[in-house]
Amino acid sequence: SPSEETPGILDAFLPLPPDQVTEGLHLLLLRVSSHHLGF
């Protein structure tokens, strides 16, 4: 709900774990909410 959510910024850079950056495909999982957009 809007009261439980704290809005984030749009652009983010996240350092990857040094031991999990081998060349190839890796699984990215996201949990997302957007109650404060207004549209």
All heavy atoms as atom14 arrays in JSON, in Angstrom:
{
  "sequence": "SPSEETPGILDAFLPLPPDQVTEGLHLLLLRVSSHHLGF",
  "atom14_mask": [
    [1, 1, 1, 1, 1, 1, 0, 0, 0, 0, 0, 0, 0, 0],
    [1, 1, 1, 1, 1, 1, 1, 0, 0, 0, 0, 0, 0, 0],
    [1, 1, 1, 1, 1, 1, 0, 0, 0, 0, 0, 0, 0, 0],
    [1, 1, 1, 1, 1, 1, 1, 1, 1, 0, 0, 0, 0, 0],
    [1, 1, 1, 1, 1, 1, 1, 1, 1, 0, 0, 0, 0, 0],
    [1, 1, 1, 1, 1, 1, 1, 0, 0, 0, 0, 0, 0, 0],
    [1, 1, 1, 1, 1, 1, 1, 0, 0, 0, 0, 0, 0, 0],
    [1, 1, 1, 1, 0, 0, 0, 0, 0, 0, 0, 0, 0, 0],
    [1, 1, 1, 1, 1, 1, 1, 1, 0, 0, 0, 0, 0, 0],
    [1, 1, 1, 1, 1, 1, 1, 1, 0, 0, 0, 0, 0, 0],
    [1, 1, 1, 1, 1, 1, 1, 1, 0, 0, 0, 0, 0, 0],
    [1, 1, 1, 1, 1, 0, 0, 0, 0, 0, 0, 0, 0, 0],
    [1, 1, 1, 1, 1, 1, 1, 1, 1, 1, 1, 0, 0, 0],
    [1, 1, 1, 1, 1, 1, 1, 1, 0, 0, 0, 0, 0, 0],
    [1, 1, 1, 1, 1, 1, 1, 0, 0, 0, 0, 0, 0, 0],
    [1, 1, 1, 1, 1, 1, 1, 1, 0, 0, 0, 0, 0, 0],
    [1, 1, 1, 1, 1, 1, 1, 0, 0, 0, 0, 0, 0, 0],
    [1, 1, 1, 1, 1, 1, 1, 0, 0, 0, 0, 0, 0, 0],
    [1, 1, 1, 1, 1, 1, 1, 1, 0, 0, 0, 0, 0, 0],
    [1, 1, 1, 1, 1, 1, 1, 1, 1, 0, 0, 0, 0, 0],
    [1, 1, 1, 1, 1, 1, 1, 0, 0, 0, 0, 0, 0, 0],
    [1, 1, 1, 1, 1, 1, 1, 0, 0, 0, 0, 0, 0, 0],
    [1, 1, 1, 1, 1, 1, 1, 1, 1, 0, 0, 0, 0, 0],
    [1, 1, 1, 1, 0, 0, 0, 0, 0, 0, 0, 0, 0, 0],
    [1, 1, 1, 1, 1, 1, 1, 1, 0, 0, 0, 0, 0, 0],
    [1, 1, 1, 1, 1, 1, 1, 1, 1, 1, 0, 0, 0, 0],
    [1, 1, 1, 1, 1, 1, 1, 1, 0, 0, 0, 0, 0, 0],
    [1, 1, 1, 1, 1, 1, 1, 1, 0, 0, 0, 0, 0, 0],
    [1, 1, 1, 1, 1, 1, 1, 1, 0, 0, 0, 0, 0, 0],
    [1, 1, 1, 1, 1, 1, 1, 1, 0, 0, 0, 0, 0, 0],
    [1, 1, 1, 1, 1, 1, 1, 1, 1, 1, 1, 0, 0, 0],
    [1, 1, 1, 1, 1, 1, 1, 0, 0, 0, 0, 0, 0, 0],
    [1, 1, 1, 1, 1, 1, 0, 0, 0, 0, 0, 0, 0, 0],
    [1, 1, 1, 1, 1, 1, 0, 0, 0, 0, 0, 0, 0, 0],
    [1, 1, 1, 1, 1, 1, 1, 1, 1, 1, 0, 0, 0, 0],
    [1, 1, 1, 1, 1, 1, 1, 1, 1, 1, 0, 0, 0, 0],
    [1, 1, 1, 1, 1, 1, 1, 1, 0, 0, 0, 0, 0, 0],
    [1, 1, 1, 1, 0, 0, 0, 0, 0, 0, 0, 0, 0, 0],
    [1, 1, 1, 1, 1, 1, 1, 1, 1, 1, 1, 0, 0, 0]
  ],
  "atom14_positions": [
    [[0.86, -1.18, 0.0], [0.0, 0.0, 0.0], [0.9, 1.23, 0.0], [2.1, 1.14, 0.3], [-0.91, 0.01, 1.23], [-0.14, 0.16, 2.41], [0.0, 0.0, 0.0], [0.0, 0.0, 0.0], [0.0, 0.0, 0.0], [0.0, 0.0, 0.0], [0.0, 0.0, 0.0], [0.0, 0.0, 0.0], [0.0, 0.0, 0.0], [0.0, 0.0, 0.0]],
    [[0.34, 2.41, -0.32], [1.17, 3.62, -0.3], [1.81, 3.88, 1.06], [2.93, 4.39, 1.12], [0.18, 4.72, -0.67], [-0.87, 4.04, -1.48], [-1.0, 2.66, -0.87], [0.0, 0.0, 0.0], [0.0, 0.0, 0.0], [0.0, 0.0, 0.0], [0.0, 0.0, 0.0], [0.0, 0.0, 0.0], [0.0, 0.0, 0.0], [0.0, 0.0, 0.0]],
    [[1.12, 3.55, 2.14], [1.69, 3.81, 3.47], [2.85, 2.87, 3.78], [3.75, 3.23, 4.54], [0.59, 3.65, 4.53], [0.07, 2.33, 4.52], [0.0, 0.0, 0.0], [0.0, 0.0, 0.0], [0.0, 0.0, 0.0], [0.0, 0.0, 0.0], [0.0, 0.0, 0.0], [0.0, 0.0, 0.0], [0.0, 0.0, 0.0], [0.0, 0.0, 0.0]],
    [[2.85, 1.68, 3.2], [3.93, 0.73, 3.45], [5.13, 0.95, 2.53], [6.23, 0.51, 2.83], [3.42, -0.71, 3.26], [2.38, -1.14, 4.27], [1.9, -2.57, 4.02], [2.47, -3.23, 3.14], [0.95, -3.0, 4.7], [0.0, 0.0, 0.0], [0.0, 0.0, 0.0], [0.0, 0.0, 0.0], [0.0, 0.0, 0.0], [0.0, 0.0, 0.0]],
    [[4.89, 1.63, 1.41], [5.95, 1.8, 0.41], [6.72, 3.1, 0.62], [6.14, 4.13, 0.97], [5.33, 1.79, -0.98], [6.35, 1.98, -2.11], [5.66, 2.19, -3.45], [5.19, 3.32, -3.71], [5.59, 1.21, -4.22], [0.0, 0.0, 0.0], [0.0, 0.0, 0.0], [0.0, 0.0, 0.0], [0.0, 0.0, 0.0], [0.0, 0.0, 0.0]],
    [[8.02, 3.03, 0.41], [8.87, 4.22, 0.34], [9.37, 4.34, -1.09], [10.04, 3.43, -1.58], [10.07, 4.11, 1.3], [9.6, 3.96, 2.64], [10.93, 5.35, 1.21], [0.0, 0.0, 0.0], [0.0, 0.0, 0.0], [0.0, 0.0, 0.0], [0.0, 0.0, 0.0], [0.0, 0.0, 0.0], [0.0, 0.0, 0.0], [0.0, 0.0, 0.0]],
    [[9.05, 5.44, -1.78], [9.48, 5.57, -3.19], [11.0, 5.56, -3.32], [11.72, 6.06, -2.44], [8.9, 6.92, -3.61], [7.81, 7.21, -2.63], [8.25, 6.59, -1.35], [0.0, 0.0, 0.0], [0.0, 0.0, 0.0], [0.0, 0.0, 0.0], [0.0, 0.0, 0.0], [0.0, 0.0, 0.0], [0.0, 0.0, 0.0], [0.0, 0.0, 0.0]],
    [[11.47, 5.0, -4.42], [12.9, 5.0, -4.72], [13.21, 5.99, -5.83], [12.34, 6.7, -6.33], [0.0, 0.0, 0.0], [0.0, 0.0, 0.0], [0.0, 0.0, 0.0], [0.0, 0.0, 0.0], [0.0, 0.0, 0.0], [0.0, 0.0, 0.0], [0.0, 0.0, 0.0], [0.0, 0.0, 0.0], [0.0, 0.0, 0.0], [0.0, 0.0, 0.0]],
    [[14.48, 6.07, -6.21], [14.89, 6.9, -7.33], [14.78, 6.08, -8.61], [14.63, 4.86, -8.57], [16.32, 7.43, -7.14], [17.32, 6.27, -7.05], [16.41, 8.3, -5.91], [18.76, 6.71, -6.99], [0.0, 0.0, 0.0], [0.0, 0.0, 0.0], [0.0, 0.0, 0.0], [0.0, 0.0, 0.0], [0.0, 0.0, 0.0], [0.0, 0.0, 0.0]],
    [[14.87, 6.75, -9.76], [14.68, 6.05, -11.03], [15.93, 5.29, -11.46], [15.85, 4.13, -11.86], [14.28, 7.06, -12.12], [14.16, 6.5, -13.53], [13.16, 5.35, -13.59], [13.74, 7.6, -14.5], [0.0, 0.0, 0.0], [0.0, 0.0, 0.0], [0.0, 0.0, 0.0], [0.0, 0.0, 0.0], [0.0, 0.0, 0.0], [0.0, 0.0, 0.0]],
    [[17.09, 5.91, -11.39], [18.32, 5.32, -11.9], [19.18, 4.81, -10.74], [19.48, 5.57, -9.81], [19.11, 6.33, -12.72], [18.3, 6.86, -13.9], [17.86, 6.03, -14.72], [18.11, 8.08, -13.99], [0.0, 0.0, 0.0], [0.0, 0.0, 0.0], [0.0, 0.0, 0.0], [0.0, 0.0, 0.0], [0.0, 0.0, 0.0], [0.0, 0.0, 0.0]],
    [[19.63, 3.56, -10.85], [20.47, 2.99, -9.8], [21.58, 2.15, -10.42], [21.38, 1.53, -11.48], [19.64, 2.12, -8.85], [0.0, 0.0, 0.0], [0.0, 0.0, 0.0], [0.0, 0.0, 0.0], [0.0, 0.0, 0.0], [0.0, 0.0, 0.0], [0.0, 0.0, 0.0], [0.0, 0.0, 0.0], [0.0, 0.0, 0.0], [0.0, 0.0, 0.0]],
    [[22.74, 2.14, -9.78], [23.86, 1.3, -10.17], [24.17, 0.37, -9.0], [24.44, 0.83, -7.9], [25.1, 2.14, -10.51], [24.98, 2.92, -11.78], [24.36, 4.17, -11.8], [25.49, 2.42, -12.97], [24.25, 4.89, -12.97], [25.38, 3.14, -14.15], [24.76, 4.37, -14.15], [0.0, 0.0, 0.0], [0.0, 0.0, 0.0], [0.0, 0.0, 0.0]],
    [[24.12, -0.93, -9.24], [24.31, -1.92, -8.19], [25.57, -2.73, -8.45], [25.68, -3.41, -9.48], [23.11, -2.87, -8.13], [21.74, -2.24, -7.84], [20.65, -3.29, -7.98], [21.72, -1.62, -6.46], [0.0, 0.0, 0.0], [0.0, 0.0, 0.0], [0.0, 0.0, 0.0], [0.0, 0.0, 0.0], [0.0, 0.0, 0.0], [0.0, 0.0, 0.0]],
    [[26.57, -2.69, -7.55], [27.76, -3.53, -7.71], [27.38, -5.01, -7.64], [26.61, -5.42, -6.77], [28.65, -3.12, -6.54], [28.11, -1.8, -6.08], [26.65, -1.82, -6.37], [0.0, 0.0, 0.0], [0.0, 0.0, 0.0], [0.0, 0.0, 0.0], [0.0, 0.0, 0.0], [0.0, 0.0, 0.0], [0.0, 0.0, 0.0], [0.0, 0.0, 0.0]],
    [[27.89, -5.8, -8.55], [27.6, -7.23, -8.57], [28.58, -7.97, -7.67], [29.72, -7.53, -7.48], [27.7, -7.76, -10.0], [26.69, -7.16, -10.99], [26.92, -7.71, -12.39], [25.26, -7.43, -10.55], [0.0, 0.0, 0.0], [0.0, 0.0, 0.0], [0.0, 0.0, 0.0], [0.0, 0.0, 0.0], [0.0, 0.0, 0.0], [0.0, 0.0, 0.0]],
    [[28.16, -9.11, -7.1], [29.07, -9.89, -6.26], [30.3, -10.33, -7.04], [30.15, -10.91, -8.13], [28.21, -11.1, -5.84], [26.8, -10.67, -6.06], [26.82, -9.72, -7.2], [0.0, 0.0, 0.0], [0.0, 0.0, 0.0], [0.0, 0.0, 0.0], [0.0, 0.0, 0.0], [0.0, 0.0, 0.0], [0.0, 0.0, 0.0], [0.0, 0.0, 0.0]],
    [[31.5, -10.05, -6.56], [32.71, -10.39, -7.32], [32.82, -11.87, -7.68], [33.43, -12.21, -8.7], [33.84, -9.97, -6.37], [33.24, -8.92, -5.5], [31.81, -9.34, -5.31], [0.0, 0.0, 0.0], [0.0, 0.0, 0.0], [0.0, 0.0, 0.0], [0.0, 0.0, 0.0], [0.0, 0.0, 0.0], [0.0, 0.0, 0.0], [0.0, 0.0, 0.0]],
    [[32.25, -12.75, -6.85], [32.36, -14.19, -7.13], [31.2, -14.7, -7.99], [31.09, -15.9, -8.23], [32.41, -14.98, -5.83], [31.2, -14.73, -4.94], [30.55, -13.68, -5.09], [30.89, -15.6, -4.1], [0.0, 0.0, 0.0], [0.0, 0.0, 0.0], [0.0, 0.0, 0.0], [0.0, 0.0, 0.0], [0.0, 0.0, 0.0], [0.0, 0.0, 0.0]],
    [[30.34, -13.79, -8.47], [29.21, -14.2, -9.29], [29.09, -13.32, -10.53], [28.0, -12.92, -10.94], [27.91, -14.14, -8.49], [27.79, -15.24, -7.44], [26.45, -15.22, -6.73], [26.08, -14.23, -6.1], [25.71, -16.32, -6.84], [0.0, 0.0, 0.0], [0.0, 0.0, 0.0], [0.0, 0.0, 0.0], [0.0, 0.0, 0.0], [0.0, 0.0, 0.0]],
    [[30.23, -13.05, -11.14], [30.23, -12.23, -12.36], [30.96, -12.95, -13.49], [31.58, -12.31, -14.33], [30.85, -10.84, -12.11], [29.93, -9.97, -11.28], [32.22, -10.96, -11.46], [0.0, 0.0, 0.0], [0.0, 0.0, 0.0], [0.0, 0.0, 0.0], [0.0, 0.0, 0.0], [0.0, 0.0, 0.0], [0.0, 0.0, 0.0], [0.0, 0.0, 0.0]],
    [[30.89, -14.26, -13.5], [31.47, -15.01, -14.6], [30.74, -14.67, -15.89], [29.55, -14.33, -15.89], [31.37, -16.52, -14.34], [30.0, -16.86, -14.06], [32.23, -16.91, -13.16], [0.0, 0.0, 0.0], [0.0, 0.0, 0.0], [0.0, 0.0, 0.0], [0.0, 0.0, 0.0], [0.0, 0.0, 0.0], [0.0, 0.0, 0.0], [0.0, 0.0, 0.0]],
    [[31.45, -14.76, -17.0], [30.85, -14.46, -18.29], [29.68, -15.4, -18.56], [29.73, -16.59, -18.27], [31.9, -14.64, -19.39], [31.38, -14.4, -20.8], [32.41, -14.7, -21.85], [33.61, -14.87, -21.5], [32.04, -14.77, -23.04], [0.0, 0.0, 0.0], [0.0, 0.0, 0.0], [0.0, 0.0, 0.0], [0.0, 0.0, 0.0], [0.0, 0.0, 0.0]],
    [[28.59, -14.84, -19.08], [27.42, -15.65, -19.4], [26.17, -15.11, -18.74], [26.11, -13.97, -18.28], [0.0, 0.0, 0.0], [0.0, 0.0, 0.0], [0.0, 0.0, 0.0], [0.0, 0.0, 0.0], [0.0, 0.0, 0.0], [0.0, 0.0, 0.0], [0.0, 0.0, 0.0], [0.0, 0.0, 0.0], [0.0, 0.0, 0.0], [0.0, 0.0, 0.0]],
    [[25.15, -15.98, -18.67], [23.83, -15.58, -18.17], [23.71, -15.8, -16.67], [24.17, -16.81, -16.14], [22.74, -16.37, -18.89], [22.6, -16.09, -20.39], [21.59, -17.05, -21.01], [22.18, -14.65, -20.63], [0.0, 0.0, 0.0], [0.0, 0.0, 0.0], [0.0, 0.0, 0.0], [0.0, 0.0, 0.0], [0.0, 0.0, 0.0], [0.0, 0.0, 0.0]],
    [[23.06, -14.83, -16.0], [22.79, -14.91, -14.57], [21.34, -14.53, -14.34], [20.76, -13.73, -15.09], [23.72, -13.97, -13.8], [25.16, -14.34, -13.89], [25.82, -15.01, -12.89], [26.07, -14.11, -14.88], [27.09, -15.2, -13.25], [27.26, -14.66, -14.45], [0.0, 0.0, 0.0], [0.0, 0.0, 0.0], [0.0, 0.0, 0.0], [0.0, 0.0, 0.0]],
    [[20.75, -15.07, -13.28], [19.34, -14.84, -13.01], [19.15, -13.59, -12.15], [19.69, -13.49, -11.05], [18.73, -16.04, -12.29], [17.22, -15.93, -12.05], [16.46, -16.03, -13.38], [16.73, -17.01, -11.09], [0.0, 0.0, 0.0], [0.0, 0.0, 0.0], [0.0, 0.0, 0.0], [0.0, 0.0, 0.0], [0.0, 0.0, 0.0], [0.0, 0.0, 0.0]],
    [[18.4, -12.65, -12.68], [18.02, -11.44, -11.93], [16.56, -11.56, -11.51], [15.68, -11.81, -12.34], [18.21, -10.19, -12.79], [17.73, -8.87, -12.16], [18.6, -8.5, -10.95], [17.74, -7.75, -13.18], [0.0, 0.0, 0.0], [0.0, 0.0, 0.0], [0.0, 0.0, 0.0], [0.0, 0.0, 0.0], [0.0, 0.0, 0.0], [0.0, 0.0, 0.0]],
    [[16.32, -11.4, -10.22], [14.97, -11.47, -9.66], [14.66, -10.15, -8.98], [15.46, -9.64, -8.2], [14.87, -12.62, -8.66], [13.53, -12.85, -7.98], [12.48, -13.32, -9.0], [13.67, -13.88, -6.86], [0.0, 0.0, 0.0], [0.0, 0.0, 0.0], [0.0, 0.0, 0.0], [0.0, 0.0, 0.0], [0.0, 0.0, 0.0], [0.0, 0.0, 0.0]],
    [[13.47, -9.6, -9.27], [13.05, -8.33, -8.69], [11.69, -8.46, -8.04], [10.82, -9.17, -8.56], [12.96, -7.24, -9.77], [14.23, -6.9, -10.56], [13.88, -6.01, -11.74], [15.25, -6.21, -9.67], [0.0, 0.0, 0.0], [0.0, 0.0, 0.0], [0.0, 0.0, 0.0], [0.0, 0.0, 0.0], [0.0, 0.0, 0.0], [0.0, 0.0, 0.0]],
    [[11.5, -7.78, -6.93], [10.18, -7.61, -6.32], [9.87, -6.13, -6.37], [10.64, -5.31, -5.86], [10.16, -8.13, -4.89], [8.77, -8.09, -4.24], [8.77, -8.86, -2.92], [7.47, -8.77, -2.26], [7.2, -7.94, -1.25], [8.15, -7.14, -0.77], [6.01, -7.91, -0.7], [0.0, 0.0, 0.0], [0.0, 0.0, 0.0], [0.0, 0.0, 0.0]],
    [[8.77, -5.75, -7.01], [8.51, -4.36, -7.38], [7.15, -3.89, -6.86], [6.19, -4.66, -6.85], [8.54, -4.21, -8.92], [8.38, -2.75, -9.31], [9.82, -4.78, -9.5], [0.0, 0.0, 0.0], [0.0, 0.0, 0.0], [0.0, 0.0, 0.0], [0.0, 0.0, 0.0], [0.0, 0.0, 0.0], [0.0, 0.0, 0.0], [0.0, 0.0, 0.0]],
    [[7.08, -2.63, -6.47], [5.8, -1.97, -6.2], [5.91, -0.52, -6.66], [7.01, 0.05, -6.72], [5.42, -2.03, -4.72], [6.29, -1.24, -3.92], [0.0, 0.0, 0.0], [0.0, 0.0, 0.0], [0.0, 0.0, 0.0], [0.0, 0.0, 0.0], [0.0, 0.0, 0.0], [0.0, 0.0, 0.0], [0.0, 0.0, 0.0], [0.0, 0.0, 0.0]],
    [[4.76, 0.09, -6.98], [4.78, 1.46, -7.5], [3.49, 2.19, -7.15], [2.75, 2.6, -8.04], [5.0, 1.44, -9.02], [4.03, 0.63, -9.65], [0.0, 0.0, 0.0], [0.0, 0.0, 0.0], [0.0, 0.0, 0.0], [0.0, 0.0, 0.0], [0.0, 0.0, 0.0], [0.0, 0.0, 0.0], [0.0, 0.0, 0.0], [0.0, 0.0, 0.0]],
    [[3.22, 2.36, -5.86], [1.97, 2.99, -5.41], [2.01, 4.52, -5.52], [0.95, 5.15, -5.48], [1.69, 2.6, -3.96], [1.39, 1.15, -3.78], [0.14, 0.6, -4.0], [2.19, 0.11, -3.42], [0.17, -0.7, -3.75], [1.4, -1.02, -3.4], [0.0, 0.0, 0.0], [0.0, 0.0, 0.0], [0.0, 0.0, 0.0], [0.0, 0.0, 0.0]],
    [[3.19, 5.11, -5.63], [3.29, 6.57, -5.59], [3.45, 7.21, -6.97], [3.68, 8.42, -7.05], [4.48, 6.98, -4.7], [4.25, 6.77, -3.24], [4.43, 5.54, -2.64], [3.83, 7.62, -2.26], [4.16, 5.64, -1.35], [3.79, 6.88, -1.1], [0.0, 0.0, 0.0], [0.0, 0.0, 0.0], [0.0, 0.0, 0.0], [0.0, 0.0, 0.0]],
    [[3.33, 6.46, -8.03], [3.51, 7.04, -9.36], [2.42, 8.04, -9.7], [2.67, 9.08, -10.3], [3.53, 5.93, -10.42], [4.82, 5.11, -10.54], [4.7, 4.14, -11.7], [6.02, 6.03, -10.74], [0.0, 0.0, 0.0], [0.0, 0.0, 0.0], [0.0, 0.0, 0.0], [0.0, 0.0, 0.0], [0.0, 0.0, 0.0], [0.0, 0.0, 0.0]],
    [[1.19, 7.72, -9.37], [0.08, 8.6, -9.72], [-0.45, 8.38, -11.12], [-1.4, 9.04, -11.54], [0.0, 0.0, 0.0], [0.0, 0.0, 0.0], [0.0, 0.0, 0.0], [0.0, 0.0, 0.0], [0.0, 0.0, 0.0], [0.0, 0.0, 0.0], [0.0, 0.0, 0.0], [0.0, 0.0, 0.0], [0.0, 0.0, 0.0], [0.0, 0.0, 0.0]],
    [[0.16, 7.49, -11.87], [-0.31, 7.15, -13.21], [0.23, 5.76, -13.55], [1.1, 5.23, -12.86], [0.19, 8.17, -14.25], [1.68, 8.13, -14.48], [2.21, 7.51, -15.6], [2.56, 8.71, -13.56], [3.58, 7.47, -15.81], [3.93, 8.66, -13.75], [4.44, 8.05, -14.88], [0.0, 0.0, 0.0], [0.0, 0.0, 0.0], [0.0, 0.0, 0.0]]
  ]
}
